[in-house]
């Protein structure tokens, strides 16, 4: 994940392509846990809201009878469909739309056993989105809001500090806080207010070694041409590579990745 300021961009064109290639897939610990809990006998339905290029949806789709990915950016949906085709998934439908479209889309989409929102909840109104999902999730079904790691520029490591200096020299000051913490707290608060059942936190931490190509591609996955033009990119990339390589001569760094999620259930209707 990269700074919130960068993610305010529109994910289209080369940005969507970089997103598909250089965003992390969610770890098996989360995928397997959700599959066991909500996948059931393989006849259920999955909705991924703000699906991006499918990094959370695609690994889960195989344990559901049907999966639907919703995203406002057509280029993101095209990349997701391409990845689905490459993996042989034929049970996924792609729908252009945003969280604010849920009241209208629910009639088209129907009900789901599981709704996931991966690294996108900060773009949404917490209370309005979770309220709308109560009409989309089946009684007893789940809503999962997940974030896949902290911003690369916030790690207490020399390579991360070097990365931040380059980003700030090109884009201006960046935030010192991890915006997904706020998003997850807002999710918990809204779920409690809306009477979601069994609201819980999930977390998994692991270490990953990445190279300079991944770092550059990861940053490009959140930079639109409006933020960094094609003419500027060669110089920007050279500065970034030189700065990180100066403190990591092997051009490989180890990143501590913390994956966090909030899980809530729609309460089942009371017996009469």
Protein backbone atom coordinates (compact mmCIF):
# COMPACT_ATOMS: atom_id res chain seq x y z
CA UNK A 1 0.00 0.00 0.00
CA UNK A 2 1.11 3.55 -0.66
CA UNK A 3 0.29 6.95 0.81
CA UNK A 4 -3.34 8.01 0.95
CA UNK A 5 -2.44 11.16 -0.97
CA UNK A 6 -1.28 9.01 -3.87
CA UNK A 7 -4.39 6.82 -3.78
CA UNK A 8 -6.64 9.81 -4.43
CA UNK A 9 -5.72 9.35 -8.09
CA UNK A 10 -7.91 7.80 -10.73
CA UNK A 11 -6.91 4.20 -11.39
CA UNK A 12 -6.82 4.04 -15.16
CA UNK A 13 -4.49 3.11 -18.00
CA UNK A 14 -0.94 2.32 -16.93
CA UNK A 15 -1.90 2.84 -13.29
CA UNK A 16 -4.41 -0.02 -13.45
CA UNK A 17 -1.85 -2.23 -15.18
CA UNK A 18 0.72 -1.53 -12.45
CA UNK A 19 -1.94 -2.15 -9.81
CA UNK A 20 -2.63 -5.60 -11.25
CA UNK A 21 1.05 -6.51 -11.31
CA UNK A 22 2.53 -4.82 -8.25
CA UNK A 23 -0.14 -4.86 -5.55
CA UNK A 24 0.21 -7.68 -3.06
CA UNK A 25 -2.16 -10.62 -3.08
CA UNK A 26 -3.86 -11.21 0.24
CA UNK A 27 -2.21 -13.97 2.30
CA UNK A 28 -3.55 -17.51 2.34
CA UNK A 29 -4.19 -17.20 6.07
CA UNK A 30 -6.98 -14.69 5.34
CA UNK A 31 -8.24 -16.37 2.17
CA UNK A 32 -8.43 -19.83 3.74
CA UNK A 33 -10.09 -18.49 6.88
CA UNK A 34 -12.80 -16.68 4.94
CA UNK A 35 -13.28 -19.64 2.59
CA UNK A 36 -13.86 -22.03 5.50
CA UNK A 37 -16.15 -19.64 7.31
CA UNK A 38 -18.29 -18.34 4.45
CA UNK A 39 -17.63 -20.57 1.44
CA UNK A 40 -19.76 -23.40 2.79
CA UNK A 41 -20.55 -26.08 0.24
CA UNK A 42 -19.50 -24.00 -2.74
CA UNK A 43 -23.01 -22.87 -3.58
CA UNK A 44 -22.82 -19.41 -2.03
CA UNK A 45 -22.34 -15.95 -3.53
CA UNK A 46 -19.48 -13.49 -3.03
CA UNK A 47 -19.44 -9.72 -3.63
CA UNK A 48 -16.19 -7.74 -3.64
CA UNK A 49 -16.96 -4.02 -3.39
CA UNK A 50 -14.21 -1.75 -4.69
CA UNK A 51 -12.64 -4.87 -6.14
CA UNK A 52 -9.82 -3.14 -8.01
CA UNK A 53 -7.95 -5.75 -10.02
CA UNK A 54 -9.33 -8.63 -7.99
CA UNK A 55 -6.55 -9.28 -5.48
CA UNK A 56 -9.06 -10.30 -2.80
CA UNK A 57 -11.90 -11.56 -5.00
CA UNK A 58 -10.02 -13.92 -7.31
CA UNK A 59 -8.47 -16.19 -4.64
CA UNK A 60 -11.89 -16.50 -2.95
CA UNK A 61 -14.04 -16.96 -6.06
CA UNK A 62 -13.33 -20.66 -6.48
CA UNK A 63 -15.10 -21.59 -3.22
CA UNK A 64 -18.30 -19.80 -4.22
CA UNK A 65 -20.81 -20.67 -6.90
CA UNK A 66 -20.85 -17.06 -8.10
CA UNK A 67 -18.67 -14.01 -7.47
CA UNK A 68 -19.30 -10.38 -8.41
CA UNK A 69 -16.68 -7.63 -8.49
CA UNK A 70 -17.83 -4.00 -8.34
CA UNK A 71 -15.52 -1.05 -9.02
CA UNK A 72 -16.02 2.47 -10.44
CA UNK A 73 -12.95 2.29 -12.71
CA UNK A 74 -13.40 0.43 -16.02
CA UNK A 75 -9.66 -0.09 -16.52
CA UNK A 76 -9.42 -1.79 -13.13
CA UNK A 77 -12.29 -4.07 -14.08
CA UNK A 78 -10.63 -4.92 -17.40
CA UNK A 79 -7.41 -5.87 -15.60
CA UNK A 80 -9.38 -7.96 -13.12
CA UNK A 81 -11.21 -9.75 -15.93
CA UNK A 82 -7.89 -10.44 -17.64
CA UNK A 83 -6.45 -11.98 -14.47
CA UNK A 84 -9.60 -14.05 -13.98
CA UNK A 85 -9.31 -15.39 -17.53
CA UNK A 86 -5.64 -16.24 -16.98
CA UNK A 87 -6.53 -18.29 -13.92
CA UNK A 88 -9.45 -20.03 -15.62
CA UNK A 89 -12.19 -18.57 -13.43
CA UNK A 90 -15.51 -18.52 -15.21
CA UNK A 91 -17.88 -17.73 -12.34
CA UNK A 92 -17.08 -14.02 -11.90
CA UNK A 93 -19.20 -11.10 -13.08
CA UNK A 94 -17.79 -7.58 -13.28
CA UNK A 95 -20.00 -4.56 -12.61
CA UNK A 96 -19.05 -0.90 -12.83
CA UNK A 97 -20.26 0.97 -9.77
CA UNK A 98 -19.36 2.51 -6.43
CA UNK A 99 -20.50 2.08 -2.85
CA UNK A 100 -22.94 4.95 -3.36
CA UNK A 101 -24.65 2.88 -6.06
CA UNK A 102 -25.51 0.04 -3.67
CA UNK A 103 -29.14 1.09 -3.05
CA UNK A 104 -29.81 0.79 -6.79
CA UNK A 105 -27.45 -2.10 -7.52
CA UNK A 106 -28.92 -4.37 -4.84
CA UNK A 107 -31.93 -5.07 -7.04
CA UNK A 108 -29.62 -6.09 -9.88
CA UNK A 109 -27.11 -7.98 -7.76
CA UNK A 110 -29.30 -9.84 -5.29
CA UNK A 111 -28.11 -11.20 -1.93
CA UNK A 112 -24.69 -12.50 -0.96
CA UNK A 113 -23.20 -14.80 1.68
CA UNK A 114 -20.04 -12.72 1.93
CA UNK A 115 -19.16 -9.13 1.00
CA UNK A 116 -15.50 -8.12 1.01
CA UNK A 117 -13.94 -4.64 0.77
CA UNK A 118 -10.18 -4.81 0.25
CA UNK A 119 -8.03 -1.69 0.75
CA UNK A 120 -10.89 0.52 -0.42
CA UNK A 121 -13.03 1.36 2.62
CA UNK A 122 -11.30 4.74 3.07
CA UNK A 123 -12.92 5.86 -0.19
CA UNK A 124 -16.40 5.10 1.18
CA UNK A 125 -18.77 6.60 3.72
CA UNK A 126 -18.48 4.07 6.57
CA UNK A 127 -22.00 4.26 7.99
CA UNK A 128 -23.84 4.66 4.68
CA UNK A 129 -21.92 1.80 3.04
CA UNK A 130 -22.38 -0.65 5.89
CA UNK A 131 -26.05 0.31 6.22
CA UNK A 132 -26.61 -0.35 2.51
CA UNK A 133 -24.86 -3.70 2.80
CA UNK A 134 -27.46 -4.87 5.31
CA UNK A 135 -29.82 -5.09 2.32
CA UNK A 136 -27.23 -7.00 0.29
CA UNK A 137 -25.93 -9.59 2.78
CA UNK A 138 -28.08 -12.59 3.62
CA UNK A 139 -29.03 -13.08 7.30
CA UNK A 140 -26.06 -14.72 8.95
CA UNK A 141 -23.75 -13.65 6.13
CA UNK A 142 -20.57 -11.68 6.61
CA UNK A 143 -18.97 -8.35 5.72
CA UNK A 144 -15.17 -8.15 5.75
CA UNK A 145 -13.17 -4.92 5.50
CA UNK A 146 -9.49 -5.71 4.96
CA UNK A 147 -6.23 -3.81 4.47
CA UNK A 148 -3.18 -5.46 2.96
CA UNK A 149 -0.16 -3.90 4.63
CA UNK A 150 0.94 -0.43 5.69
CA UNK A 151 2.34 2.27 3.38
CA UNK A 152 5.86 1.46 2.19
CA UNK A 153 7.08 4.89 3.28
CA UNK A 154 6.10 4.40 6.95
CA UNK A 155 8.45 1.55 7.87
CA UNK A 156 11.22 2.31 10.41
CA UNK A 157 13.96 1.29 7.97
CA UNK A 158 16.54 3.24 5.96
CA UNK A 159 15.13 2.10 2.60
CA UNK A 160 11.66 3.30 3.59
CA UNK A 161 13.00 6.66 4.75
CA UNK A 162 14.87 7.05 1.45
CA UNK A 163 11.69 6.22 -0.46
CA UNK A 164 9.77 8.84 1.48
CA UNK A 165 12.34 11.55 0.77
CA UNK A 166 12.01 10.94 -2.96
CA UNK A 167 8.22 10.90 -2.84
CA UNK A 168 8.07 14.14 -0.87
CA UNK A 169 10.57 15.84 -3.16
CA UNK A 170 8.21 15.15 -6.09
CA UNK A 171 4.77 15.18 -4.48
CA UNK A 172 5.05 17.30 -1.35
CA UNK A 173 4.61 16.36 2.33
CA UNK A 174 3.07 12.97 3.12
CA UNK A 175 1.11 11.94 6.17
CA UNK A 176 2.78 10.40 9.19
CA UNK A 177 -0.18 8.17 10.06
CA UNK A 178 -1.46 4.91 8.64
CA UNK A 179 -4.85 5.77 7.16
CA UNK A 180 -6.14 2.18 7.27
CA UNK A 181 -6.12 2.27 11.09
CA UNK A 182 -8.67 5.06 10.93
CA UNK A 183 -10.73 3.21 8.32
CA UNK A 184 -10.86 0.04 10.42
CA UNK A 185 -11.84 1.96 13.55
CA UNK A 186 -14.62 3.69 11.63
CA UNK A 187 -15.75 0.30 10.33
CA UNK A 188 -15.95 -1.15 13.84
CA UNK A 189 -17.87 1.87 15.12
CA UNK A 190 -20.37 1.79 12.26
CA UNK A 191 -20.88 -1.97 12.56
CA UNK A 192 -21.60 -1.59 16.27
CA UNK A 193 -24.05 1.25 15.63
CA UNK A 194 -25.82 -0.76 12.92
CA UNK A 195 -26.08 -3.86 15.14
CA UNK A 196 -23.82 -6.14 13.15
CA UNK A 197 -23.21 -9.32 15.13
CA UNK A 198 -19.92 -10.82 16.34
CA UNK A 199 -17.74 -7.92 15.16
CA UNK A 200 -14.10 -8.94 15.45
CA UNK A 201 -10.58 -7.94 14.42
CA UNK A 202 -8.28 -10.22 12.42
CA UNK A 203 -4.56 -9.69 11.93
CA UNK A 204 -1.64 -11.48 10.33
CA UNK A 205 1.96 -10.24 10.12
CA UNK A 206 4.68 -11.64 7.88
CA UNK A 207 7.92 -10.57 6.22
CA UNK A 208 8.37 -10.23 2.48
CA UNK A 209 11.51 -9.51 0.49
CA UNK A 210 11.00 -7.35 -2.58
CA UNK A 211 13.27 -5.82 -5.18
CA UNK A 212 13.53 -2.34 -6.63
CA UNK A 213 11.33 -3.26 -9.59
CA UNK A 214 8.51 -4.12 -7.21
CA UNK A 215 8.95 -0.89 -5.22
CA UNK A 216 8.86 1.23 -8.38
CA UNK A 217 5.88 -0.65 -9.79
CA UNK A 218 4.05 -0.45 -6.48
CA UNK A 219 4.42 3.33 -6.40
CA UNK A 220 3.32 3.61 -10.03
CA UNK A 221 0.20 1.62 -9.12
CA UNK A 222 -1.11 4.71 -7.32
CA UNK A 223 0.23 7.52 -9.49
CA UNK A 224 -1.92 8.89 -12.27
CA UNK A 225 -0.50 10.77 -15.28
CA UNK A 226 -1.95 13.94 -13.72
CA UNK A 227 0.32 13.46 -10.69
CA UNK A 228 3.40 12.34 -12.58
CA UNK A 229 3.51 12.74 -16.36
CA UNK A 230 5.14 10.25 -18.71
CA UNK A 231 7.90 12.80 -19.38
CA UNK A 232 8.70 13.04 -15.66
CA UNK A 233 8.71 9.33 -14.92
CA UNK A 234 12.21 8.40 -16.15
CA UNK A 235 13.81 11.02 -13.88
CA UNK A 236 11.52 10.16 -10.97
CA UNK A 237 12.31 6.46 -11.31
CA UNK A 238 16.05 7.11 -11.50
CA UNK A 239 15.91 9.20 -8.32
CA UNK A 240 13.89 6.54 -6.55
CA UNK A 241 16.17 3.68 -7.57
CA UNK A 242 19.33 5.59 -6.67
CA UNK A 243 18.00 6.62 -3.26
CA UNK A 244 16.93 3.11 -2.23
CA UNK A 245 20.01 1.42 -3.70
CA UNK A 246 22.25 3.80 -1.71
CA UNK A 247 21.01 2.23 1.54
CA UNK A 248 20.22 -1.24 0.13
CA UNK A 249 23.08 -2.11 -2.27
CA UNK A 250 21.59 -5.53 -3.01
CA UNK A 251 18.53 -3.70 -4.36
CA UNK A 252 16.37 -5.98 -2.26
CA UNK A 253 14.62 -5.00 0.98
CA UNK A 254 12.59 -6.81 3.61
CA UNK A 255 9.18 -5.38 4.40
CA UNK A 256 7.06 -6.28 7.42
CA UNK A 257 3.53 -6.67 6.09
CA UNK A 258 0.62 -6.38 8.52
CA UNK A 259 -2.71 -7.55 7.11
CA UNK A 260 -5.71 -6.41 9.13
CA UNK A 261 -9.43 -6.92 8.83
CA UNK A 262 -12.71 -6.28 10.60
CA UNK A 263 -15.32 -9.03 10.26
CA UNK A 264 -18.99 -8.59 11.10
CA UNK A 265 -22.13 -10.65 10.54
CA UNK A 266 -25.58 -9.56 9.55
CA UNK A 267 -27.80 -10.81 12.33
CA UNK A 268 -30.11 -13.64 11.40
CA UNK A 269 -33.84 -12.91 11.51
CA UNK A 270 -35.37 -13.96 14.86
CA UNK A 271 -37.46 -17.12 14.94
CA UNK A 272 -41.20 -16.53 15.15
